[in-house]
Amino acid sequence: MADVSGEATRTLDAREIDGEPFGAILAALEDLPADGTLELVNSFEPEPLYDVLDDRGFVHETERVADDEFHVYISVAE
């Protein structure tokens, strides 16, 4: 599991975004420090996002915490 205890961890709850959250996710990733982690909270597993993350040099780990809640920990690939 990603280290989410550090100060460089940021959380984005896509469930609180009106409309398509893709732009907000990309903006949060652009602002992410090299040693930071973005915790994305979503109501479904955002499988289409995974290829975009791979293409942009990010790695991710996904945790299903409830039937309708997924946490995706995203960080810069080393």
N, C-alpha and C. Protein backbone atom coordinates (compact mmCIF):
# COMPACT_ATOMS: atom_id res chain seq x y z
N MET A 1 0.84 -1.18 0.00
CA MET A 1 0.00 0.00 0.00
C MET A 1 0.88 1.24 0.00
N ALA A 2 0.43 2.27 -0.65
CA ALA A 2 1.17 3.52 -0.72
C ALA A 2 1.27 4.15 0.67
N ASP A 3 2.36 4.89 0.89
CA ASP A 3 2.53 5.59 2.16
C ASP A 3 1.66 6.83 2.13
N VAL A 4 0.56 6.80 2.84
CA VAL A 4 -0.36 7.93 2.84
C VAL A 4 -0.31 8.70 4.15
N SER A 5 0.72 8.43 4.95
CA SER A 5 0.81 9.09 6.25
C SER A 5 1.57 10.42 6.19
N GLY A 6 2.31 10.67 5.11
CA GLY A 6 3.14 11.85 5.03
C GLY A 6 2.36 13.11 4.70
N GLU A 7 3.02 14.24 4.89
CA GLU A 7 2.39 15.53 4.60
C GLU A 7 2.18 15.74 3.11
N ALA A 8 2.89 14.99 2.27
CA ALA A 8 2.78 15.17 0.83
C ALA A 8 1.55 14.47 0.26
N THR A 9 0.73 13.88 1.12
CA THR A 9 -0.48 13.22 0.65
C THR A 9 -1.60 14.23 0.52
N ARG A 10 -2.26 14.18 -0.62
CA ARG A 10 -3.42 15.05 -0.86
C ARG A 10 -4.60 14.17 -1.21
N THR A 11 -5.79 14.61 -0.86
CA THR A 11 -6.99 13.85 -1.14
C THR A 11 -7.90 14.63 -2.07
N LEU A 12 -8.42 13.93 -3.07
CA LEU A 12 -9.41 14.50 -3.98
C LEU A 12 -10.60 13.55 -4.00
N ASP A 13 -11.74 14.04 -3.54
CA ASP A 13 -12.96 13.22 -3.53
C ASP A 13 -13.76 13.54 -4.78
N ALA A 14 -13.67 12.65 -5.76
CA ALA A 14 -14.34 12.86 -7.04
C ALA A 14 -15.86 12.85 -6.90
N ARG A 15 -16.35 12.29 -5.82
CA ARG A 15 -17.79 12.25 -5.59
C ARG A 15 -18.36 13.63 -5.34
N GLU A 16 -17.50 14.58 -4.96
CA GLU A 16 -17.95 15.94 -4.65
C GLU A 16 -17.86 16.88 -5.85
N ILE A 17 -17.40 16.37 -6.99
CA ILE A 17 -17.22 17.19 -8.18
C ILE A 17 -18.46 17.08 -9.06
N ASP A 18 -19.04 18.23 -9.43
CA ASP A 18 -20.17 18.24 -10.35
C ASP A 18 -19.63 18.01 -11.76
N GLY A 19 -20.19 17.05 -12.46
CA GLY A 19 -19.76 16.78 -13.82
C GLY A 19 -18.56 15.86 -13.87
N GLU A 20 -17.87 15.91 -14.99
CA GLU A 20 -16.72 15.03 -15.25
C GLU A 20 -15.52 15.43 -14.38
N PRO A 21 -14.99 14.50 -13.58
CA PRO A 21 -13.88 14.84 -12.68
C PRO A 21 -12.49 14.75 -13.32
N PHE A 22 -12.40 14.34 -14.58
CA PHE A 22 -11.10 14.09 -15.20
C PHE A 22 -10.17 15.31 -15.15
N GLY A 23 -10.69 16.47 -15.47
CA GLY A 23 -9.88 17.69 -15.45
C GLY A 23 -9.34 18.01 -14.06
N ALA A 24 -10.18 17.84 -13.06
CA ALA A 24 -9.75 18.10 -11.67
C ALA A 24 -8.68 17.10 -11.24
N ILE A 25 -8.82 15.86 -11.68
CA ILE A 25 -7.82 14.85 -11.34
C ILE A 25 -6.48 15.20 -11.97
N LEU A 26 -6.50 15.55 -13.26
CA LEU A 26 -5.24 15.92 -13.93
C LEU A 26 -4.62 17.16 -13.31
N ALA A 27 -5.43 18.13 -12.93
CA ALA A 27 -4.89 19.34 -12.29
C ALA A 27 -4.24 18.99 -10.96
N ALA A 28 -4.85 18.12 -10.20
CA ALA A 28 -4.28 17.71 -8.91
C ALA A 28 -2.97 16.97 -9.12
N LEU A 29 -2.88 16.16 -10.17
CA LEU A 29 -1.65 15.43 -10.45
C LEU A 29 -0.53 16.36 -10.92
N GLU A 30 -0.87 17.39 -11.68
CA GLU A 30 0.13 18.36 -12.13
C GLU A 30 0.74 19.11 -10.95
N ASP A 31 -0.04 19.30 -9.91
CA ASP A 31 0.39 20.05 -8.72
C ASP A 31 1.02 19.14 -7.67
N LEU A 32 1.11 17.85 -7.95
CA LEU A 32 1.61 16.88 -6.98
C LEU A 32 3.13 16.93 -6.89
N PRO A 33 3.68 17.06 -5.68
CA PRO A 33 5.14 17.02 -5.54
C PRO A 33 5.69 15.66 -5.98
N ALA A 34 6.94 15.62 -6.37
CA ALA A 34 7.56 14.39 -6.88
C ALA A 34 7.48 13.25 -5.86
N ASP A 35 7.50 13.58 -4.57
CA ASP A 35 7.43 12.54 -3.54
C ASP A 35 6.04 12.44 -2.92
N GLY A 36 5.06 13.07 -3.56
CA GLY A 36 3.72 13.11 -3.01
C GLY A 36 2.83 11.97 -3.49
N THR A 37 1.71 11.84 -2.83
CA THR A 37 0.70 10.85 -3.19
C THR A 37 -0.66 11.55 -3.25
N LEU A 38 -1.40 11.27 -4.30
CA LEU A 38 -2.77 11.76 -4.40
C LEU A 38 -3.70 10.60 -4.06
N GLU A 39 -4.54 10.80 -3.07
CA GLU A 39 -5.56 9.81 -2.74
C GLU A 39 -6.86 10.25 -3.42
N LEU A 40 -7.24 9.50 -4.44
CA LEU A 40 -8.47 9.78 -5.17
C LEU A 40 -9.58 8.90 -4.60
N VAL A 41 -10.66 9.53 -4.17
CA VAL A 41 -11.81 8.80 -3.64
C VAL A 41 -12.90 8.85 -4.70
N ASN A 42 -13.46 7.68 -5.02
CA ASN A 42 -14.46 7.62 -6.07
C ASN A 42 -15.53 6.60 -5.71
N SER A 43 -16.69 6.71 -6.33
CA SER A 43 -17.79 5.80 -6.07
C SER A 43 -17.71 4.53 -6.91
N PHE A 44 -16.76 4.47 -7.84
CA PHE A 44 -16.55 3.28 -8.66
C PHE A 44 -15.06 3.17 -8.95
N GLU A 45 -14.63 2.00 -9.39
CA GLU A 45 -13.22 1.85 -9.74
C GLU A 45 -12.98 2.55 -11.07
N PRO A 46 -12.11 3.55 -11.10
CA PRO A 46 -11.91 4.36 -12.31
C PRO A 46 -10.93 3.71 -13.29
N GLU A 47 -11.29 2.53 -13.78
CA GLU A 47 -10.41 1.77 -14.66
C GLU A 47 -9.91 2.55 -15.88
N PRO A 48 -10.75 3.38 -16.54
CA PRO A 48 -10.24 4.13 -17.70
C PRO A 48 -9.08 5.08 -17.35
N LEU A 49 -9.01 5.48 -16.11
CA LEU A 49 -7.95 6.39 -15.66
C LEU A 49 -6.59 5.71 -15.61
N TYR A 50 -6.56 4.41 -15.42
CA TYR A 50 -5.30 3.70 -15.20
C TYR A 50 -4.34 3.83 -16.39
N ASP A 51 -4.83 3.71 -17.61
CA ASP A 51 -3.96 3.85 -18.78
C ASP A 51 -3.41 5.27 -18.89
N VAL A 52 -4.24 6.26 -18.56
CA VAL A 52 -3.79 7.65 -18.59
C VAL A 52 -2.67 7.85 -17.57
N LEU A 53 -2.84 7.29 -16.39
CA LEU A 53 -1.80 7.40 -15.36
C LEU A 53 -0.50 6.75 -15.83
N ASP A 54 -0.60 5.56 -16.39
CA ASP A 54 0.59 4.87 -16.90
C ASP A 54 1.29 5.70 -17.96
N ASP A 55 0.52 6.26 -18.89
CA ASP A 55 1.09 7.05 -19.98
C ASP A 55 1.78 8.32 -19.48
N ARG A 56 1.34 8.82 -18.34
CA ARG A 56 1.89 10.08 -17.80
C ARG A 56 2.95 9.85 -16.73
N GLY A 57 3.33 8.59 -16.52
CA GLY A 57 4.42 8.31 -15.58
C GLY A 57 4.02 8.18 -14.13
N PHE A 58 2.78 7.81 -13.89
CA PHE A 58 2.31 7.61 -12.52
C PHE A 58 2.07 6.13 -12.26
N VAL A 59 2.15 5.75 -11.00
CA VAL A 59 1.78 4.41 -10.56
C VAL A 59 0.59 4.56 -9.62
N HIS A 60 -0.18 3.49 -9.46
CA HIS A 60 -1.36 3.57 -8.60
C HIS A 60 -1.61 2.24 -7.91
N GLU A 61 -2.28 2.35 -6.78
CA GLU A 61 -2.80 1.20 -6.05
C GLU A 61 -4.23 1.53 -5.70
N THR A 62 -5.11 0.56 -5.87
CA THR A 62 -6.53 0.78 -5.62
C THR A 62 -6.99 -0.09 -4.46
N GLU A 63 -7.77 0.52 -3.58
CA GLU A 63 -8.35 -0.18 -2.44
C GLU A 63 -9.86 0.02 -2.46
N ARG A 64 -10.58 -1.08 -2.43
CA ARG A 64 -12.05 -1.00 -2.34
C ARG A 64 -12.40 -1.02 -0.87
N VAL A 65 -12.99 0.07 -0.40
CA VAL A 65 -13.31 0.17 1.03
C VAL A 65 -14.78 -0.09 1.31
N ALA A 66 -15.61 -0.05 0.28
CA ALA A 66 -17.04 -0.36 0.38
C ALA A 66 -17.53 -0.68 -1.03
N ASP A 67 -18.76 -1.17 -1.13
CA ASP A 67 -19.30 -1.49 -2.45
C ASP A 67 -19.29 -0.30 -3.39
N ASP A 68 -19.45 0.91 -2.83
CA ASP A 68 -19.52 2.10 -3.66
C ASP A 68 -18.44 3.13 -3.29
N GLU A 69 -17.30 2.64 -2.79
CA GLU A 69 -16.21 3.56 -2.44
C GLU A 69 -14.85 2.91 -2.71
N PHE A 70 -14.10 3.58 -3.57
CA PHE A 70 -12.76 3.14 -3.93
C PHE A 70 -11.77 4.25 -3.63
N HIS A 71 -10.60 3.89 -3.12
CA HIS A 71 -9.52 4.84 -2.89
C HIS A 71 -8.37 4.42 -3.80
N VAL A 72 -7.93 5.36 -4.64
CA VAL A 72 -6.82 5.10 -5.54
C VAL A 72 -5.67 6.00 -5.10
N TYR A 73 -4.55 5.37 -4.76
CA TYR A 73 -3.35 6.09 -4.32
C TYR A 73 -2.43 6.23 -5.51
N ILE A 74 -2.17 7.47 -5.91
CA ILE A 74 -1.43 7.75 -7.14
C ILE A 74 -0.16 8.50 -6.77
N SER A 75 0.97 8.04 -7.34
CA SER A 75 2.24 8.72 -7.12
C SER A 75 3.08 8.65 -8.38
N VAL A 76 4.13 9.46 -8.41
CA VAL A 76 5.04 9.49 -9.56
C VAL A 76 5.86 8.21 -9.57
N ALA A 77 5.95 7.57 -10.73
CA ALA A 77 6.75 6.35 -10.85
C ALA A 77 8.21 6.68 -10.60
N GLU A 78 8.89 5.79 -9.91
CA GLU A 78 10.32 6.02 -9.61
C GLU A 78 11.18 5.52 -10.74
